[in-house]
Amino acid sequence: QVVLDYQARKFYDYIRERSLFVGKTTRSNPPFKRKLLFEDIVPSKLTTDGDDADVDNYNLDEQSEERPTISKRIAASAFLSLLNLASKELIDIREYQDQDADDGFKVMKGDDIVVYA
């Protein structure tokens, strides 16, 4: 039995719930059954329920100006919480393997990080 503090338990429950809605079923990383992107857990842009329905009506430049971005502090805190959960083997974190990418260092984005729950 893994002991989590209140905040970590809440975040873990949120990840599990998000994985049911936007995650994909996987058998490639047992014992985890669902996978989702870090971007699915902590989106880089905030949206409201009605925003996704009207995506075709706006061009991308207008969307990015209207939607507030998540601060680096929130994203870093969420990633730290992910690392904490991964260290307790409640989730697993992997890098999205791009076949065309070179082997050098790169800055990762939210959709480069795969979370297994």
Protein backbone atom coordinates (compact mmCIF):
# COMPACT_ATOMS: atom_id res chain seq x y z
CA GLN A 1 0.00 0.00 0.00
CA VAL A 2 1.46 3.32 -1.13
CA VAL A 3 1.00 6.31 1.17
CA LEU A 4 0.29 9.63 -0.56
CA ASP A 5 -0.35 13.03 0.95
CA TYR A 6 -3.66 14.74 0.20
CA GLN A 7 -2.38 16.78 -2.76
CA ALA A 8 -0.59 13.84 -4.41
CA ARG A 9 -3.66 11.62 -3.96
CA LYS A 10 -5.87 14.27 -5.52
CA PHE A 11 -3.51 14.68 -8.49
CA TYR A 12 -3.26 10.90 -8.93
CA ASP A 13 -7.06 10.61 -8.92
CA TYR A 14 -7.22 13.41 -11.50
CA ILE A 15 -4.73 11.58 -13.76
CA ARG A 16 -6.72 8.35 -13.49
CA GLU A 17 -9.95 10.18 -14.32
CA ARG A 18 -8.37 12.03 -17.28
CA SER A 19 -6.96 8.75 -18.58
CA LEU A 20 -10.50 7.34 -18.75
CA PHE A 21 -11.72 10.29 -20.85
CA VAL A 22 -8.79 11.11 -23.14
CA GLY A 23 -6.37 8.24 -22.61
CA LYS A 24 -5.88 5.36 -24.98
CA THR A 25 -5.91 1.70 -24.00
CA THR A 26 -2.48 0.10 -24.14
CA ARG A 27 -0.93 -3.26 -23.44
CA SER A 28 2.63 -2.18 -24.21
CA ASN A 29 3.57 -1.15 -20.67
CA PRO A 30 2.08 -3.50 -18.06
CA PRO A 31 0.71 -3.14 -15.43
CA PHE A 32 -0.53 0.20 -16.78
CA LYS A 33 -3.63 0.01 -18.97
CA ARG A 34 -4.07 3.58 -20.21
CA LYS A 35 -1.73 6.13 -21.74
CA LEU A 36 -2.10 9.85 -22.27
CA LEU A 37 0.09 12.83 -22.99
CA PHE A 38 1.33 15.34 -20.43
CA GLU A 39 -0.53 17.89 -22.59
CA ASP A 40 -3.76 16.01 -21.77
CA ILE A 41 -3.10 16.36 -18.04
CA VAL A 42 -1.79 19.93 -18.04
CA PRO A 43 -2.81 21.71 -21.27
CA SER A 44 -0.55 24.51 -22.42
CA LYS A 45 -3.61 26.64 -23.17
CA LEU A 46 -6.70 26.93 -21.01
CA THR A 47 -10.01 26.20 -22.68
CA THR A 48 -13.61 26.26 -21.62
CA ASP A 49 -16.23 23.67 -22.49
CA GLY A 50 -17.49 25.57 -25.53
CA ASP A 51 -14.07 26.36 -27.03
CA ASP A 52 -13.46 23.02 -28.74
CA ALA A 53 -16.79 23.10 -30.58
CA ASP A 54 -15.86 26.30 -32.41
CA VAL A 55 -12.27 25.41 -33.37
CA ASP A 56 -13.04 25.43 -37.09
CA ASN A 57 -14.42 28.97 -36.88
CA TYR A 58 -11.15 30.53 -35.70
CA ASN A 59 -7.70 30.51 -37.15
CA LEU A 60 -4.86 29.35 -34.91
CA ASP A 61 -3.38 32.82 -34.32
CA GLU A 62 -6.68 34.11 -32.98
CA GLN A 63 -7.07 31.07 -30.72
CA SER A 64 -3.66 31.47 -29.11
CA GLU A 65 -4.32 35.14 -28.36
CA GLU A 66 -7.72 34.46 -26.76
CA ARG A 67 -6.74 31.51 -24.57
CA PRO A 68 -4.57 32.16 -21.54
CA THR A 69 -1.45 30.00 -21.18
CA ILE A 70 -0.54 27.86 -18.20
CA SER A 71 2.34 29.34 -16.22
CA LYS A 72 5.71 27.62 -16.13
CA ARG A 73 5.35 27.33 -12.37
CA ILE A 74 2.12 25.30 -12.66
CA ALA A 75 3.56 23.07 -15.40
CA ALA A 76 6.76 22.48 -13.41
CA SER A 77 4.80 21.68 -10.26
CA ALA A 78 2.61 19.22 -12.17
CA PHE A 79 5.67 17.55 -13.69
CA LEU A 80 7.29 17.30 -10.26
CA SER A 81 4.12 15.64 -8.97
CA LEU A 82 4.28 13.22 -11.91
CA LEU A 83 7.87 12.35 -11.02
CA ASN A 84 6.79 11.80 -7.42
CA LEU A 85 4.02 9.40 -8.52
CA ALA A 86 6.38 7.64 -10.92
CA SER A 87 8.94 7.13 -8.14
CA LYS A 88 6.21 5.30 -6.22
CA GLU A 89 5.44 3.23 -9.35
CA LEU A 90 1.84 4.47 -9.53
CA ILE A 91 2.40 5.80 -13.05
CA ASP A 92 5.12 5.54 -15.66
CA ILE A 93 6.59 8.35 -17.76
CA ARG A 94 8.14 7.85 -21.18
CA GLU A 95 9.29 10.01 -24.05
CA TYR A 96 7.38 9.89 -27.32
CA GLN A 97 9.78 8.23 -29.76
CA ASP A 98 9.96 10.21 -32.98
CA GLN A 99 11.62 8.22 -35.76
CA ASP A 100 12.88 11.36 -37.53
CA ALA A 101 14.39 12.99 -34.45
CA ASP A 102 18.14 13.15 -34.04
CA ASP A 103 19.84 11.76 -30.95
CA GLY A 104 20.85 15.19 -29.58
CA PHE A 105 19.32 17.08 -26.70
CA LYS A 106 16.02 18.81 -27.29
CA VAL A 107 13.44 20.82 -25.43
CA MET A 108 10.44 18.63 -24.78
CA LYS A 109 6.88 19.82 -25.20
CA GLY A 110 3.73 18.57 -23.50
CA ASP A 111 2.97 16.19 -26.32
CA ASP A 112 6.46 14.61 -26.16
CA ILE A 113 5.80 13.12 -22.72
CA VAL A 114 3.67 9.98 -22.47
CA VAL A 115 2.14 9.11 -19.10
CA TYR A 116 0.97 5.57 -18.37
CA ALA A 117 -1.68 5.15 -15.68
